[in-house]
Amino acid sequence: NNILFEFTFFNTIVEDEIVPFEVYGKSYFRNSAKTNRRGLEVGISSEILERLKATISYTFSDFVYVEYAAITIEVDSLDEIITSSEDFSGKVVPSVPKHNFFFALEYKHPIASNLSGFIKGTYQSISGMYVNDANSAETDGYQVLNSTLGFEMFFGNFNLLVSGGVNNILDQTYVGFININSSNGRFYEAGEPQSFFATLKLNYIF
């Protein structure tokens, strides 16, 4: 009774998909003729012990350009623009990880009739991603650990949440954002380093 399981398979054909590219730091867009986006998602959530909840999810993505020819723009070492005709049919859509795994553990403990404490840890693993339509460069995969500790209080119609935690506990260096099809090869932007946060949230329940 305390297990929630979900399985989804998808297969989508997209006509004239919008594809971004970058020239001298400015973003532009063009269209691919046809893209096939297929994959599956699996998730399970369960209270494995009293007040201890586990959540696991996995997404597999296979996104491919079926038909895609374009005039590409690159900037050479002399900072001059070079254009060429390319056919990217059969290439993998950039900036989409093939494998995305997520795992979380959360424990809640009642302290008083209207007060409870909780602690939560999450782990996420992302596989490498292509950075351009030609699939000529790829990021490394990465793993991130996060944690949160907090207290939740109910009084009347009000709900008060106080929490704090650490993101990227192991201070991993990874690519958090990709400038897709950057003409001068500046594809990578670093993800969030180890950081600490605090949250104070007050809700009113009608």
Protein backbone atom coordinates (compact mmCIF):
# COMPACT_ATOMS: atom_id res chain seq x y z
CA ASN A 1 0.00 0.00 0.00
CA ASN A 2 2.94 2.40 0.45
CA ILE A 3 4.66 1.76 -2.89
CA LEU A 4 4.15 4.02 -5.89
CA PHE A 5 5.55 2.77 -9.20
CA GLU A 6 5.50 4.49 -12.59
CA PHE A 7 6.74 3.42 -16.02
CA THR A 8 6.49 5.59 -19.13
CA PHE A 9 7.62 4.95 -22.70
CA PHE A 10 7.52 7.76 -25.24
CA ASN A 11 8.24 8.06 -28.95
CA THR A 12 7.65 11.51 -30.45
CA ILE A 13 8.30 12.78 -33.98
CA VAL A 14 8.93 16.53 -34.10
CA GLU A 15 8.69 18.41 -37.40
CA ASP A 16 10.78 21.59 -37.86
CA GLU A 17 12.31 21.43 -34.38
CA ILE A 18 13.90 24.72 -33.28
CA VAL A 19 17.69 24.36 -32.88
CA PRO A 20 19.79 27.09 -31.20
CA PHE A 21 23.27 28.18 -32.27
CA GLU A 22 25.59 30.91 -31.07
CA VAL A 23 27.76 33.41 -32.95
CA TYR A 24 29.95 35.94 -31.09
CA GLY A 25 27.96 35.33 -27.91
CA LYS A 26 24.56 36.00 -29.52
CA SER A 27 21.95 33.29 -29.84
CA TYR A 28 20.15 32.48 -33.10
CA PHE A 29 17.83 29.68 -34.21
CA ARG A 30 17.29 27.41 -37.20
CA ASN A 31 15.08 24.39 -37.88
CA SER A 32 15.77 20.71 -38.31
CA ALA A 33 13.41 18.94 -40.69
CA LYS A 34 12.54 16.04 -38.40
CA THR A 35 13.60 14.77 -34.96
CA ASN A 36 12.73 11.49 -33.25
CA ARG A 37 12.57 11.73 -29.46
CA ARG A 38 12.15 8.36 -27.79
CA GLY A 39 12.95 6.96 -24.39
CA LEU A 40 11.58 5.65 -21.13
CA GLU A 41 11.14 6.79 -17.56
CA VAL A 42 10.96 4.54 -14.51
CA GLY A 43 10.23 5.71 -10.96
CA ILE A 44 9.45 4.12 -7.61
CA SER A 45 8.71 5.65 -4.23
CA SER A 46 8.25 3.72 -0.99
CA GLU A 47 8.36 4.03 2.78
CA ILE A 48 11.03 1.35 3.28
CA LEU A 49 11.04 1.76 7.07
CA GLU A 50 8.75 3.65 9.40
CA ARG A 51 9.02 7.36 8.49
CA LEU A 52 11.92 6.63 6.08
CA LYS A 53 10.98 7.24 2.43
CA ALA A 54 13.07 6.29 -0.60
CA THR A 55 12.60 7.59 -4.15
CA ILE A 56 14.40 6.24 -7.21
CA SER A 57 13.97 7.38 -10.81
CA TYR A 58 15.76 6.72 -14.08
CA THR A 59 15.30 8.28 -17.52
CA PHE A 60 16.74 6.92 -20.76
CA SER A 61 16.69 9.34 -23.70
CA ASP A 62 17.46 8.56 -27.33
CA PHE A 63 16.90 11.82 -29.24
CA VAL A 64 18.08 11.71 -32.87
CA TYR A 65 17.88 14.01 -35.88
CA VAL A 66 16.10 12.02 -38.60
CA GLU A 67 16.41 14.71 -41.29
CA TYR A 68 18.56 17.78 -40.77
CA ALA A 69 20.70 19.74 -43.23
CA ALA A 70 21.89 23.28 -42.48
CA ILE A 71 24.37 26.02 -43.26
CA THR A 72 26.66 26.11 -40.22
CA ILE A 73 28.72 29.02 -38.93
CA GLU A 74 32.09 28.71 -37.20
CA VAL A 75 34.68 31.25 -36.08
CA ASP A 76 38.31 30.36 -36.89
CA SER A 77 41.50 31.22 -34.98
CA LEU A 78 41.66 34.60 -36.77
CA ASP A 79 38.17 35.43 -35.50
CA GLU A 80 36.71 35.19 -38.98
CA ILE A 81 33.43 33.49 -39.88
CA ILE A 82 33.45 30.28 -41.91
CA THR A 83 30.23 28.81 -43.32
CA SER A 84 29.65 25.31 -44.65
CA SER A 85 26.81 23.00 -45.66
CA GLU A 86 26.35 20.08 -43.27
CA ASP A 87 24.02 17.11 -43.02
CA PHE A 88 23.34 16.11 -39.41
CA SER A 89 20.84 13.35 -40.17
CA GLY A 90 21.37 10.47 -37.74
CA LYS A 91 23.21 12.62 -35.18
CA VAL A 92 22.20 12.78 -31.51
CA VAL A 93 20.41 15.92 -30.30
CA PRO A 94 22.89 17.86 -28.12
CA SER A 95 22.47 18.85 -24.46
CA VAL A 96 20.30 15.81 -23.65
CA PRO A 97 21.83 13.15 -21.34
CA LYS A 98 21.22 9.57 -22.42
CA HIS A 99 21.13 8.42 -18.79
CA ASN A 100 19.68 10.37 -15.85
CA PHE A 101 19.53 8.62 -12.45
CA PHE A 102 18.10 10.10 -9.24
CA PHE A 103 17.97 8.67 -5.69
CA ALA A 104 16.63 10.30 -2.52
CA LEU A 105 16.20 9.30 1.11
CA GLU A 106 14.02 11.33 3.49
CA TYR A 107 13.37 10.71 7.18
CA LYS A 108 10.69 12.56 9.16
CA HIS A 109 10.40 12.38 12.94
CA PRO A 110 7.60 13.86 15.08
CA ILE A 111 8.93 16.03 17.92
CA ALA A 112 5.63 17.37 19.26
CA SER A 113 1.98 17.30 18.22
CA ASN A 114 2.49 20.19 15.81
CA LEU A 115 6.24 19.98 15.19
CA SER A 116 8.34 17.53 13.18
CA GLY A 117 11.92 17.40 11.96
CA PHE A 118 13.25 15.95 8.73
CA ILE A 119 16.51 15.16 6.99
CA LYS A 120 16.87 14.48 3.27
CA GLY A 121 19.74 13.43 1.03
CA THR A 122 19.74 13.23 -2.77
CA TYR A 123 22.10 11.75 -5.33
CA GLN A 124 21.95 12.47 -9.06
CA SER A 125 24.04 10.97 -11.85
CA ILE A 126 24.01 12.52 -15.33
CA SER A 127 25.78 10.95 -18.31
CA GLY A 128 27.85 12.94 -20.81
CA MET A 129 26.08 15.12 -23.38
CA TYR A 130 27.00 16.25 -26.87
CA VAL A 131 27.47 20.00 -27.22
CA ASN A 132 26.84 20.48 -30.96
CA ASP A 133 24.84 19.02 -33.82
CA ALA A 134 27.96 17.43 -35.33
CA ASN A 135 28.52 15.42 -32.10
CA SER A 136 32.22 16.35 -32.30
CA ALA A 137 32.55 17.17 -28.58
CA GLU A 138 30.95 15.79 -25.42
CA THR A 139 30.84 16.69 -21.73
CA ASP A 140 31.90 14.28 -19.02
CA GLY A 141 29.23 12.69 -16.87
CA TYR A 142 28.93 13.84 -13.28
CA GLN A 143 27.41 12.98 -9.90
CA VAL A 144 26.06 15.43 -7.32
CA LEU A 145 25.17 14.90 -3.65
CA ASN A 146 22.86 17.28 -1.78
CA SER A 147 21.44 17.30 1.75
CA THR A 148 18.74 19.20 3.66
CA LEU A 149 17.86 19.38 7.37
CA GLY A 150 14.78 21.16 8.64
CA PHE A 151 11.75 21.55 10.89
CA GLU A 152 8.07 21.93 10.05
CA MET A 153 5.47 23.42 12.39
CA PHE A 154 1.68 23.68 12.11
CA PHE A 155 -0.35 26.20 14.13
CA GLY A 156 -3.92 26.91 13.12
CA ASN A 157 -4.06 27.55 9.38
CA PHE A 158 -0.36 28.37 9.23
CA ASN A 159 2.53 26.14 8.27
CA LEU A 160 6.11 27.22 9.06
CA LEU A 161 9.09 25.51 7.40
CA VAL A 162 12.68 26.20 8.46
CA SER A 163 15.48 24.35 6.68
CA GLY A 164 19.10 24.50 5.61
CA GLY A 165 21.53 22.32 3.76
CA VAL A 166 24.43 21.79 1.43
CA ASN A 167 24.38 21.42 -2.35
CA ASN A 168 27.20 19.60 -4.17
CA ILE A 169 28.63 18.22 -0.93
CA LEU A 170 31.72 16.76 -2.62
CA ASP A 171 32.37 20.05 -4.48
CA GLN A 172 32.45 18.34 -7.87
CA THR A 173 33.44 20.36 -10.95
CA TYR A 174 31.01 19.73 -13.79
CA VAL A 175 29.33 21.33 -16.78
CA GLY A 176 26.02 22.74 -15.57
CA PHE A 177 24.97 24.48 -18.79
CA ILE A 178 25.84 23.98 -22.47
CA ASN A 179 25.96 26.76 -25.06
CA ILE A 180 24.70 24.56 -27.90
CA ASN A 181 26.46 24.98 -31.26
CA SER A 182 28.77 27.75 -30.10
CA SER A 183 30.61 28.93 -33.22
CA ASN A 184 33.87 29.63 -31.32
CA GLY A 185 33.76 26.47 -29.18
CA ARG A 186 32.72 28.13 -25.92
CA PHE A 187 30.27 25.36 -25.10
CA TYR A 188 30.77 24.94 -21.38
CA GLU A 189 29.54 26.77 -18.29
CA ALA A 190 30.40 25.41 -14.85
CA GLY A 191 27.74 24.03 -12.55
CA GLU A 192 27.13 25.20 -9.01
CA PRO A 193 30.10 24.58 -6.66
CA GLN A 194 29.61 23.48 -3.06
CA SER A 195 27.13 25.90 -1.51
CA PHE A 196 25.14 26.31 1.69
CA PHE A 197 21.57 27.54 1.90
CA ALA A 198 18.84 28.36 4.42
CA THR A 199 15.10 28.58 3.84
CA LEU A 200 12.28 30.16 5.82
CA LYS A 201 8.77 29.59 4.44
CA LEU A 202 5.41 30.52 5.90
CA ASN A 203 2.22 29.18 4.31
CA TYR A 204 -1.41 29.91 5.02
CA ILE A 205 -3.84 27.04 4.36
CA PHE A 206 -7.41 28.04 3.46
